[in-house]
């Protein structure tokens, strides 16, 4: 690498932790290249072999193949990375990466980076933190698509382009309106209507569509935060995020895990098979959960609130847990329902140190609570195990990318079809399934209003889907899969 590119590369956040020996090894195997607009770094589905670090310029990550009309997952800026699948062992890239403008990019073979990471726990922790922040950003974007109007999403985006908190300011749009529309999950005409509606809040756009004036930042912020879910510790009273104000119990029955005998054989097998621990021996898993405790929750009991300090993560042993967000009026939208055999909240202990969502028992639930401090100490002692955590986060990122694609590109009927198909293993013929949740929960999960769910079911009836109470019959699975884009 040239001296200029090398100095910029080592200044990237990902490269701030390694020792000189590690950096020298990366330098020997890294390659730097100059790219132009439209150059493709990798495509969705290709084998993930290299991690890319943007030294200068920008890279667009598309949710599909990058063809005209493709939806944007995010835009990678200077100092950021893409292609994390090369590290986390996912096998293939989950997005397509295309260069925007002129760019200088360094790529590193995943095998070499993994070797360096196993020797430097601080480097792994840096990448885990970076991945966790990306996941939090994805969760926020998905939540915004479910909770906020297109006008509020645009206003929130514009506020993110300035550090001012009041008064008047001019912000420069980093992309042309077509790319901006795609990043916000809108059609170009929807973006134009959103800009027009923001005029009521003192937002005007120059004739060349490059500069946006915000006359009253406070007024725009107030409008956009009507459904804001960001909360900091100490803000619970104002936002009504405290568990007590929910009327939900917060005290769980706790059993300290003084020995593995408090987990029966089936539960221990469940813990060993979560993605986080896949491939580890029984002894390795035992070491990692040595300081854990078993907790039992009744239906609707609150585990934690958004903004609480993230000191632990959980594995569901039995029952299920609802992860959700609230707007300032108390309206709820579901981020995820976590079932037995799955971990959750593991990302929070690496990022800001605060839980980004609320969690409550969806039914009578039994959990394994793993304290972050002891867990990180064991990972520090055995850095190879930390790569398993990164694999888990990479898998979650892949799932969130898929959900983002559904929200940005599919109609409510297609999203409902997708969810129904994920509830059955059938790939052809007909099948019948039973809905485990109320229809209001399903509507929230796919980001639509309850009344829209009924219309979506009516639309699916033309494709052979019949609903009777909680029983759903799919007459032609293959036809429904084509409709859902699966």
Protein backbone atom coordinates (compact mmCIF):
# COMPACT_ATOMS: atom_id res chain seq x y z
CA UNK A 1 0.00 0.00 0.00
CA UNK A 2 1.10 3.57 -0.60
CA UNK A 3 2.08 5.73 2.37
CA UNK A 4 -1.06 7.93 2.07
CA UNK A 5 -3.46 4.99 1.88
CA UNK A 6 -1.61 3.11 4.62
CA UNK A 7 -1.81 6.05 7.05
CA UNK A 8 -5.54 6.47 6.34
CA UNK A 9 -6.11 2.74 6.74
CA UNK A 10 -4.41 2.59 10.15
CA UNK A 11 -6.50 5.59 11.25
CA UNK A 12 -9.75 3.66 10.68
CA UNK A 13 -11.58 2.66 13.91
CA UNK A 14 -11.20 -1.04 13.11
CA UNK A 15 -7.40 -0.71 13.02
CA UNK A 16 -7.02 1.38 16.17
CA UNK A 17 -6.43 -1.55 18.53
CA UNK A 18 -3.94 -4.03 16.97
CA UNK A 19 -0.30 -4.17 18.01
CA UNK A 20 2.46 -3.19 15.55
CA UNK A 21 3.09 -6.89 14.92
CA UNK A 22 -0.56 -7.46 14.00
CA UNK A 23 -0.61 -4.39 11.79
CA UNK A 24 2.54 -5.56 10.00
CA UNK A 25 0.93 -8.92 9.27
CA UNK A 26 -2.24 -7.26 7.96
CA UNK A 27 -0.13 -4.91 5.86
CA UNK A 28 1.62 -7.84 4.15
CA UNK A 29 -1.68 -9.38 3.06
CA UNK A 30 -3.88 -6.29 2.54
CA UNK A 31 -4.34 -4.80 -0.90
CA UNK A 32 -5.39 -1.24 -1.75
CA UNK A 33 -7.23 -0.20 -4.92
CA UNK A 34 -8.82 2.87 -6.48
CA UNK A 35 -12.43 2.47 -7.64
CA UNK A 36 -14.90 4.44 -9.74
CA UNK A 37 -18.68 4.84 -9.58
CA UNK A 38 -20.47 1.60 -10.40
CA UNK A 39 -17.56 -0.72 -9.57
CA UNK A 40 -18.85 -3.76 -7.66
CA UNK A 41 -16.81 -5.05 -4.71
CA UNK A 42 -18.97 -8.15 -4.22
CA UNK A 43 -22.48 -9.40 -4.90
CA UNK A 44 -25.08 -10.91 -2.64
CA UNK A 45 -24.68 -14.69 -2.50
CA UNK A 46 -21.00 -14.72 -3.52
CA UNK A 47 -18.52 -16.55 -1.30
CA UNK A 48 -17.32 -14.16 1.42
CA UNK A 49 -13.52 -14.14 1.32
CA UNK A 50 -12.39 -10.57 1.99
CA UNK A 51 -13.24 -7.72 4.38
CA UNK A 52 -13.25 -4.23 2.83
CA UNK A 53 -12.26 -1.00 4.61
CA UNK A 54 -13.27 2.29 2.97
CA UNK A 55 -10.25 4.58 3.23
CA UNK A 56 -11.84 7.36 1.16
CA UNK A 57 -15.16 7.67 -0.65
CA UNK A 58 -18.44 5.78 -0.17
CA UNK A 59 -19.89 2.35 -0.91
CA UNK A 60 -23.60 1.55 -1.36
CA UNK A 61 -24.84 -1.72 0.14
CA UNK A 62 -27.88 -3.03 -1.75
CA UNK A 63 -30.27 -5.55 -0.26
CA UNK A 64 -30.33 -7.56 -3.50
CA UNK A 65 -28.28 -7.68 -6.71
CA UNK A 66 -27.80 -3.93 -7.17
CA UNK A 67 -29.85 -3.72 -10.35
CA UNK A 68 -31.75 -0.46 -11.09
CA UNK A 69 -34.50 -0.09 -8.51
CA UNK A 70 -32.68 -2.15 -5.86
CA UNK A 71 -33.21 -1.10 -2.25
CA UNK A 72 -30.33 0.29 -0.22
CA UNK A 73 -29.42 -1.28 3.12
CA UNK A 74 -26.96 1.46 4.07
CA UNK A 75 -24.13 3.60 2.69
CA UNK A 76 -20.66 2.85 4.02
CA UNK A 77 -18.55 5.97 4.62
CA UNK A 78 -14.87 6.62 5.17
CA UNK A 79 -13.37 4.57 8.01
CA UNK A 80 -16.16 1.98 7.95
CA UNK A 81 -16.13 -1.66 6.85
CA UNK A 82 -18.25 -3.95 4.70
CA UNK A 83 -18.09 -7.65 3.87
CA UNK A 84 -18.02 -8.80 7.51
CA UNK A 85 -19.24 -12.21 6.32
CA UNK A 86 -15.60 -12.97 5.50
CA UNK A 87 -14.87 -12.93 9.24
CA UNK A 88 -18.02 -14.23 10.84
CA UNK A 89 -18.13 -17.44 8.83
CA UNK A 90 -21.52 -16.83 7.20
CA UNK A 91 -20.13 -18.28 3.97
CA UNK A 92 -21.63 -15.73 1.57
CA UNK A 93 -22.13 -11.98 1.40
CA UNK A 94 -25.64 -10.91 2.45
CA UNK A 95 -25.66 -7.71 0.34
CA UNK A 96 -24.23 -6.29 -2.89
CA UNK A 97 -21.53 -3.58 -2.52
CA UNK A 98 -21.19 -0.92 -5.23
CA UNK A 99 -18.82 2.06 -5.18
CA UNK A 100 -20.32 5.57 -5.21
CA UNK A 101 -17.99 8.15 -6.76
CA UNK A 102 -14.23 7.77 -6.59
CA UNK A 103 -12.98 5.68 -3.69
CA UNK A 104 -9.87 4.19 -2.12
CA UNK A 105 -10.55 0.82 -0.53
CA UNK A 106 -8.36 -1.71 1.29
CA UNK A 107 -9.31 -5.40 1.32
CA UNK A 108 -8.03 -8.05 3.72
CA UNK A 109 -8.40 -11.85 3.37
CA UNK A 110 -10.81 -13.13 6.01
CA UNK A 111 -8.53 -16.03 6.98
CA UNK A 112 -5.63 -13.68 7.74
CA UNK A 113 -7.82 -11.32 9.75
CA UNK A 114 -9.27 -14.23 11.75
CA UNK A 115 -5.74 -15.37 12.61
CA UNK A 116 -4.87 -11.88 13.86
CA UNK A 117 -8.12 -11.64 15.82
CA UNK A 118 -7.52 -14.88 17.68
CA UNK A 119 -4.29 -13.33 19.02
CA UNK A 120 -5.75 -9.95 19.93
CA UNK A 121 -8.90 -9.92 22.04
CA UNK A 122 -9.06 -6.12 21.96
CA UNK A 123 -9.33 -6.29 18.17
CA UNK A 124 -12.18 -8.80 18.39
CA UNK A 125 -13.94 -6.57 20.90
CA UNK A 126 -13.53 -3.61 18.53
CA UNK A 127 -15.15 -5.55 15.69
CA UNK A 128 -17.87 -6.88 17.97
CA UNK A 129 -18.62 -3.31 19.01
CA UNK A 130 -18.70 -2.18 15.36
CA UNK A 131 -21.01 -5.04 14.38
CA UNK A 132 -23.25 -4.34 17.38
CA UNK A 133 -23.60 -0.69 16.41
CA UNK A 134 -24.54 -1.74 12.88
CA UNK A 135 -27.15 -4.08 14.32
CA UNK A 136 -28.55 -1.31 16.50
CA UNK A 137 -28.71 0.94 13.45
CA UNK A 138 -30.57 -1.79 11.55
CA UNK A 139 -33.02 -2.25 14.41
CA UNK A 140 -33.58 1.50 14.51
CA UNK A 141 -34.19 1.67 10.76
CA UNK A 142 -36.59 -1.28 10.87
CA UNK A 143 -38.42 0.30 13.80
CA UNK A 144 -38.66 3.62 11.97
CA UNK A 145 -40.14 1.87 8.94
CA UNK A 146 -42.77 0.33 11.23
CA UNK A 147 -43.47 3.31 13.48
CA UNK A 148 -42.78 6.52 11.58
CA UNK A 149 -44.34 8.16 8.58
CA UNK A 150 -42.23 8.90 5.51
CA UNK A 151 -42.24 12.60 6.48
CA UNK A 152 -40.90 11.87 9.97
CA UNK A 153 -38.22 9.53 8.59
CA UNK A 154 -37.02 12.25 6.23
CA UNK A 155 -37.03 14.85 9.01
CA UNK A 156 -35.08 12.52 11.30
CA UNK A 157 -32.53 11.92 8.53
CA UNK A 158 -32.04 15.65 7.93
CA UNK A 159 -31.51 16.26 11.64
CA UNK A 160 -28.80 13.61 11.58
CA UNK A 161 -26.84 15.74 9.09
CA UNK A 162 -26.29 18.57 11.57
CA UNK A 163 -24.87 18.89 15.07
CA UNK A 164 -27.04 21.94 15.82
CA UNK A 165 -29.87 21.47 18.31
CA UNK A 166 -31.75 24.75 17.83
CA UNK A 167 -32.01 27.77 15.57
CA UNK A 168 -31.57 27.75 11.79
CA UNK A 169 -29.12 25.69 9.74
CA UNK A 170 -28.33 24.57 6.20
CA UNK A 171 -27.52 20.90 5.57
CA UNK A 172 -25.93 19.53 2.41
CA UNK A 173 -27.54 16.37 1.07
CA UNK A 174 -24.81 13.74 0.52
CA UNK A 175 -26.62 11.98 -2.34
CA UNK A 176 -28.92 12.69 -5.23
CA UNK A 177 -32.62 12.40 -4.41
CA UNK A 178 -32.97 8.96 -6.02
CA UNK A 179 -30.36 7.44 -3.70
CA UNK A 180 -31.77 9.31 -0.72
CA UNK A 181 -35.23 7.89 -1.46
CA UNK A 182 -33.83 4.36 -1.67
CA UNK A 183 -31.93 4.68 1.59
CA UNK A 184 -35.08 5.87 3.36
CA UNK A 185 -37.15 3.06 1.85
CA UNK A 186 -39.34 5.33 -0.30
CA UNK A 187 -40.24 5.86 -3.91
CA UNK A 188 -38.81 9.12 -5.38
CA UNK A 189 -42.31 10.60 -5.65
CA UNK A 190 -42.92 9.77 -1.96
CA UNK A 191 -39.72 11.61 -1.04
CA UNK A 192 -40.88 14.66 -3.01
CA UNK A 193 -44.21 14.64 -1.14
CA UNK A 194 -42.34 14.32 2.17
CA UNK A 195 -40.20 17.36 1.37
CA UNK A 196 -43.36 19.27 0.46
CA UNK A 197 -45.01 18.40 3.80
CA UNK A 198 -41.90 19.41 5.75
CA UNK A 199 -42.38 22.97 4.49
CA UNK A 200 -44.95 23.28 7.28
CA UNK A 201 -42.02 22.81 9.69
CA UNK A 202 -39.76 25.36 7.99
CA UNK A 203 -37.81 22.95 5.78
CA UNK A 204 -37.01 24.16 2.26
CA UNK A 205 -34.90 22.69 -0.53
CA UNK A 206 -32.75 24.64 -3.00
CA UNK A 207 -33.51 24.42 -6.71
CA UNK A 208 -30.54 22.11 -7.35
CA UNK A 209 -31.79 19.69 -4.62
CA UNK A 210 -28.40 19.76 -2.87
CA UNK A 211 -28.93 22.04 0.14
CA UNK A 212 -31.77 21.93 2.65
CA UNK A 213 -32.54 24.82 5.01
CA UNK A 214 -34.11 24.04 8.40
CA UNK A 215 -35.59 27.27 9.79
CA UNK A 216 -36.47 25.90 13.25
CA UNK A 217 -34.48 22.86 14.33
CA UNK A 218 -36.40 22.55 17.61
CA UNK A 219 -39.76 22.44 15.83
CA UNK A 220 -38.56 19.78 13.40
CA UNK A 221 -37.02 17.75 16.22
CA UNK A 222 -40.28 17.88 18.15
CA UNK A 223 -42.21 16.64 15.12
CA UNK A 224 -39.78 13.78 14.44
CA UNK A 225 -39.61 12.68 18.09
CA UNK A 226 -43.34 12.10 18.37
CA UNK A 227 -42.51 8.44 17.81
CA UNK A 228 -38.85 8.52 18.86
CA UNK A 229 -37.73 5.41 20.72
CA UNK A 230 -34.23 6.59 21.64
CA UNK A 231 -33.99 6.73 25.42
CA UNK A 232 -31.12 7.30 27.80
CA UNK A 233 -30.78 6.17 31.38
CA UNK A 234 -32.66 8.57 33.60
CA UNK A 235 -35.18 9.48 30.91
CA UNK A 236 -37.62 6.74 31.87
CA UNK A 237 -40.05 8.96 33.74
CA UNK A 238 -40.53 11.39 30.86
CA UNK A 239 -40.82 8.69 28.24
CA UNK A 240 -42.87 6.35 30.46
CA UNK A 241 -40.38 3.58 29.79
CA UNK A 242 -39.99 2.51 33.41
CA UNK A 243 -41.37 -0.97 33.98
CA UNK A 244 -43.44 0.22 36.92
CA UNK A 245 -45.37 2.62 34.69
CA UNK A 246 -46.22 -0.29 32.41
CA UNK A 247 -48.00 -2.02 35.27
CA UNK A 248 -45.75 -5.02 34.62
CA UNK A 249 -44.02 -6.99 37.35
CA UNK A 250 -40.23 -6.86 37.33
CA UNK A 251 -39.25 -9.38 39.98
CA UNK A 252 -38.35 -12.84 38.70
CA UNK A 253 -37.67 -16.00 40.68
CA UNK A 254 -33.92 -16.59 40.44
CA UNK A 255 -31.86 -19.75 40.80
CA UNK A 256 -28.10 -19.28 40.93
CA UNK A 257 -26.31 -21.70 38.64
CA UNK A 258 -23.92 -23.08 41.27
CA UNK A 259 -23.68 -26.29 39.26
CA UNK A 260 -24.79 -27.52 35.88
CA UNK A 261 -27.16 -29.91 37.66
CA UNK A 262 -29.62 -27.01 37.84
CA UNK A 263 -29.92 -27.28 34.06
CA UNK A 264 -31.38 -30.60 33.05
CA UNK A 265 -29.83 -32.49 30.15
CA UNK A 266 -32.32 -31.16 27.62
CA UNK A 267 -31.75 -27.54 28.75
CA UNK A 268 -27.98 -27.88 28.60
CA UNK A 269 -28.24 -29.32 25.08
CA UNK A 270 -30.45 -26.34 24.21
CA UNK A 271 -27.77 -23.93 25.46
CA UNK A 272 -24.99 -25.76 23.59
CA UNK A 273 -26.92 -25.53 20.32
CA UNK A 274 -27.65 -21.80 20.29
CA UNK A 275 -25.74 -20.14 17.41
CA UNK A 276 -23.55 -18.37 19.96
CA UNK A 277 -22.10 -21.66 21.24
CA UNK A 278 -22.31 -23.90 18.17
CA UNK A 279 -19.13 -25.89 17.70
CA UNK A 280 -17.95 -25.53 21.29
CA UNK A 281 -17.34 -28.49 23.56
CA UNK A 282 -19.45 -29.13 26.63
CA UNK A 283 -16.56 -28.06 28.87
CA UNK A 284 -16.12 -24.78 26.97
CA UNK A 285 -19.81 -23.98 27.28
CA UNK A 286 -19.72 -24.86 30.97
CA UNK A 287 -16.85 -22.41 31.51
CA UNK A 288 -18.69 -19.63 29.69
CA UNK A 289 -21.90 -19.99 31.70
CA UNK A 290 -20.28 -20.69 35.06
CA UNK A 291 -21.55 -17.39 36.54
CA UNK A 292 -25.02 -17.62 34.98
CA UNK A 293 -28.34 -17.85 36.81
CA UNK A 294 -31.68 -19.39 35.90
CA UNK A 295 -34.67 -17.05 36.08
CA UNK A 296 -38.38 -17.82 35.79
CA UNK A 297 -40.83 -15.18 34.56
CA UNK A 298 -44.59 -15.12 34.43
CA UNK A 299 -46.51 -13.83 31.41
CA UNK A 300 -46.01 -10.07 30.80
CA UNK A 301 -43.19 -9.79 33.34
CA UNK A 302 -40.64 -7.19 32.29
CA UNK A 303 -37.01 -8.30 31.91
CA UNK A 304 -35.50 -4.91 31.15
CA UNK A 305 -36.38 -1.54 29.63
CA UNK A 306 -34.79 0.41 26.78
CA UNK A 307 -32.09 2.58 28.31
CA UNK A 308 -31.25 0.18 31.14
CA UNK A 309 -27.57 -0.66 31.55
CA UNK A 310 -26.79 -3.85 29.61
CA UNK A 311 -25.00 -6.03 32.12
CA UNK A 312 -26.10 -9.43 30.86
CA UNK A 313 -27.62 -11.34 27.97
CA UNK A 314 -30.07 -14.22 27.95
CA UNK A 315 -30.83 -17.64 26.48
CA UNK A 316 -34.46 -18.79 26.36
CA UNK A 317 -34.78 -22.24 27.97
CA UNK A 318 -38.55 -22.41 27.73
CA UNK A 319 -41.41 -20.13 26.68
CA UNK A 320 -40.70 -16.97 24.65
CA UNK A 321 -39.66 -13.33 25.07
CA UNK A 322 -41.02 -10.29 23.26
CA UNK A 323 -38.58 -7.53 22.26
CA UNK A 324 -40.44 -4.30 21.57
CA UNK A 325 -40.29 -0.51 21.42
CA UNK A 326 -42.76 2.17 22.49
CA UNK A 327 -43.48 5.62 21.20
CA UNK A 328 -44.04 8.48 23.61
CA UNK A 329 -47.77 7.79 23.70
CA UNK A 330 -47.17 4.20 24.76
CA UNK A 331 -48.00 2.58 21.39
CA UNK A 332 -46.04 -0.65 20.96
CA UNK A 333 -44.37 -2.28 17.99
CA UNK A 334 -42.69 -5.69 18.15
CA UNK A 335 -39.08 -6.03 17.06
CA UNK A 336 -38.81 -9.79 17.60
CA UNK A 337 -40.24 -12.74 19.51
CA UNK A 338 -37.43 -14.96 20.78
CA UNK A 339 -38.15 -18.65 21.34
CA UNK A 340 -36.48 -21.46 23.27
CA UNK A 341 -32.99 -22.24 22.02
CA UNK A 342 -32.15 -18.65 21.05
CA UNK A 343 -30.05 -15.93 22.69
CA UNK A 344 -30.91 -12.24 22.81
CA UNK A 345 -29.41 -8.96 24.07
CA UNK A 346 -25.88 -10.24 23.42
CA UNK A 347 -25.19 -7.31 21.08
CA UNK A 348 -25.95 -4.70 23.74
CA UNK A 349 -23.02 -5.62 26.00
CA UNK A 350 -20.58 -4.67 23.22
CA UNK A 351 -22.11 -1.43 21.95
CA UNK A 352 -23.34 1.54 23.99
CA UNK A 353 -23.82 -0.45 27.19
CA UNK A 354 -27.57 0.26 27.13
CA UNK A 355 -30.41 -1.95 25.99
CA UNK A 356 -31.98 -0.45 22.82
CA UNK A 357 -35.33 -2.23 23.28
CA UNK A 358 -37.71 -3.45 26.00
CA UNK A 359 -38.08 -7.15 26.78
CA UNK A 360 -40.90 -8.99 28.51
CA UNK A 361 -42.00 -12.58 28.89
CA UNK A 362 -44.53 -13.33 26.16
CA UNK A 363 -45.72 -16.33 28.18
CA UNK A 364 -44.50 -18.26 31.22
CA UNK A 365 -40.77 -18.29 30.48
CA UNK A 366 -37.55 -19.79 31.83
CA UNK A 367 -34.27 -18.00 31.02
CA UNK A 368 -30.55 -18.44 31.51
CA UNK A 369 -29.08 -15.03 32.41
CA UNK A 370 -25.36 -14.71 31.62
CA UNK A 371 -23.50 -11.81 33.20
CA UNK A 372 -21.46 -9.88 30.65
CA UNK A 373 -18.45 -9.23 32.89
CA UNK A 374 -17.71 -12.90 33.58
CA UNK A 375 -18.49 -13.89 30.02
CA UNK A 376 -16.09 -11.31 28.56
CA UNK A 377 -13.39 -12.38 31.01
CA UNK A 378 -13.64 -15.97 29.75
CA UNK A 379 -13.60 -14.82 26.13
CA UNK A 380 -10.50 -12.80 26.88
CA UNK A 381 -8.89 -15.95 28.22
CA UNK A 382 -9.92 -17.91 25.09
CA UNK A 383 -10.08 -15.44 22.15
CA UNK A 384 -11.07 -18.14 19.63
CA UNK A 385 -14.39 -18.44 21.38
CA UNK A 386 -15.01 -14.73 20.76
CA UNK A 387 -15.14 -15.40 17.03
CA UNK A 388 -18.18 -17.58 17.71
CA UNK A 389 -19.89 -14.55 19.18
CA UNK A 390 -19.04 -12.59 16.05
CA UNK A 391 -20.56 -15.39 13.97
CA UNK A 392 -23.78 -15.11 15.97
CA UNK A 393 -23.96 -11.36 15.41
CA UNK A 394 -23.24 -11.88 11.72
CA UNK A 395 -26.13 -14.33 11.52
CA UNK A 396 -28.44 -11.81 13.24
CA UNK A 397 -27.29 -9.10 10.84
CA UNK A 398 -28.18 -11.36 7.91
CA UNK A 399 -31.69 -11.90 9.34
CA UNK A 400 -32.20 -8.17 9.93
CA UNK A 401 -31.03 -7.38 6.39
CA UNK A 402 -33.66 -9.79 5.10
CA UNK A 403 -36.36 -8.14 7.21
CA UNK A 404 -35.26 -4.71 6.01
CA UNK A 405 -35.55 -5.95 2.42
CA UNK A 406 -39.10 -7.16 3.08
CA UNK A 407 -40.12 -3.84 4.67
CA UNK A 408 -38.61 -1.71 1.90
CA UNK A 409 -39.63 -3.72 -1.16
CA UNK A 410 -42.72 -5.78 -0.36
CA UNK A 411 -46.41 -5.09 0.03
CA UNK A 412 -48.24 -6.01 3.27
CA UNK A 413 -49.65 -9.11 1.53
CA UNK A 414 -46.17 -10.25 0.50
CA UNK A 415 -44.82 -9.67 4.02
CA UNK A 416 -47.67 -11.70 5.49
CA UNK A 417 -47.02 -14.49 2.97
CA UNK A 418 -43.33 -14.47 3.93
CA UNK A 419 -44.15 -14.75 7.64
CA UNK A 420 -46.61 -17.61 7.09
CA UNK A 421 -44.05 -19.50 5.03
CA UNK A 422 -41.43 -19.15 7.77
CA UNK A 423 -43.84 -21.00 10.07
CA UNK A 424 -43.84 -24.19 8.00
CA UNK A 425 -41.19 -26.53 6.60
CA UNK A 426 -43.35 -27.39 3.59
CA UNK A 427 -41.84 -26.37 0.24
CA UNK A 428 -44.55 -27.69 -2.06
CA UNK A 429 -48.15 -28.90 -2.08
CA UNK A 430 -50.59 -27.76 0.57
CA UNK A 431 -50.15 -27.35 4.30
CA UNK A 432 -52.03 -26.18 7.38
CA UNK A 433 -50.51 -24.27 10.27
CA UNK A 434 -51.73 -22.81 13.54
CA UNK A 435 -50.98 -19.21 14.46
CA UNK A 436 -49.25 -19.05 17.84
CA UNK A 437 -49.95 -15.36 18.37
CA UNK A 438 -52.95 -13.03 18.19
CA UNK A 439 -53.40 -11.37 14.81
CA UNK A 440 -52.53 -7.99 16.36
CA UNK A 441 -49.09 -9.37 17.26
CA UNK A 442 -48.55 -10.67 13.71
CA UNK A 443 -49.59 -7.31 12.26
CA UNK A 444 -47.08 -5.49 14.48
CA UNK A 445 -44.33 -7.99 13.63
CA UNK A 446 -44.57 -7.31 9.87
CA UNK A 447 -45.07 -3.56 10.31
CA UNK A 448 -48.71 -3.05 9.36
CA UNK A 449 -51.90 -1.92 11.10
CA UNK A 450 -54.30 -4.66 12.33
CA UNK A 451 -56.92 -3.60 9.77
CA UNK A 452 -54.31 -3.96 7.01
CA UNK A 453 -53.77 -7.57 8.09
CA UNK A 454 -57.36 -8.43 7.22
CA UNK A 455 -56.93 -6.85 3.79
CA UNK A 456 -53.67 -8.77 3.30
CA UNK A 457 -55.41 -12.04 4.18
CA UNK A 458 -58.12 -11.23 1.66
CA UNK A 459 -55.45 -10.60 -0.96
CA UNK A 460 -53.82 -13.96 -0.16
CA UNK A 461 -57.13 -15.78 -0.53
CA UNK A 462 -56.70 -15.34 -4.29
CA UNK A 463 -53.54 -17.44 -3.93
CA UNK A 464 -55.25 -20.25 -2.07
CA UNK A 465 -54.69 -19.10 1.52
CA UNK A 466 -57.68 -19.69 3.78
CA UNK A 467 -58.00 -18.50 7.38
CA UNK A 468 -60.36 -20.00 9.96
CA UNK A 469 -59.70 -18.72 13.44
CA UNK A 470 -56.05 -19.42 14.22
CA UNK A 471 -55.74 -22.10 11.54
CA UNK A 472 -54.24 -21.09 8.19
CA UNK A 473 -54.40 -23.39 5.16
CA UNK A 474 -52.01 -22.72 2.29
CA UNK A 475 -53.39 -24.41 -0.81
CA UNK A 476 -50.27 -24.07 -2.97
CA UNK A 477 -46.99 -23.49 -1.13
CA UNK A 478 -44.94 -23.07 -4.31
CA UNK A 479 -47.27 -20.39 -5.66
CA UNK A 480 -47.17 -18.49 -2.35
CA UNK A 481 -43.36 -18.71 -2.25
CA UNK A 482 -43.14 -17.13 -5.70
CA UNK A 483 -45.51 -14.35 -4.59
CA UNK A 484 -43.40 -13.70 -1.48
CA UNK A 485 -40.18 -13.63 -3.50
CA UNK A 486 -38.68 -16.61 -1.66
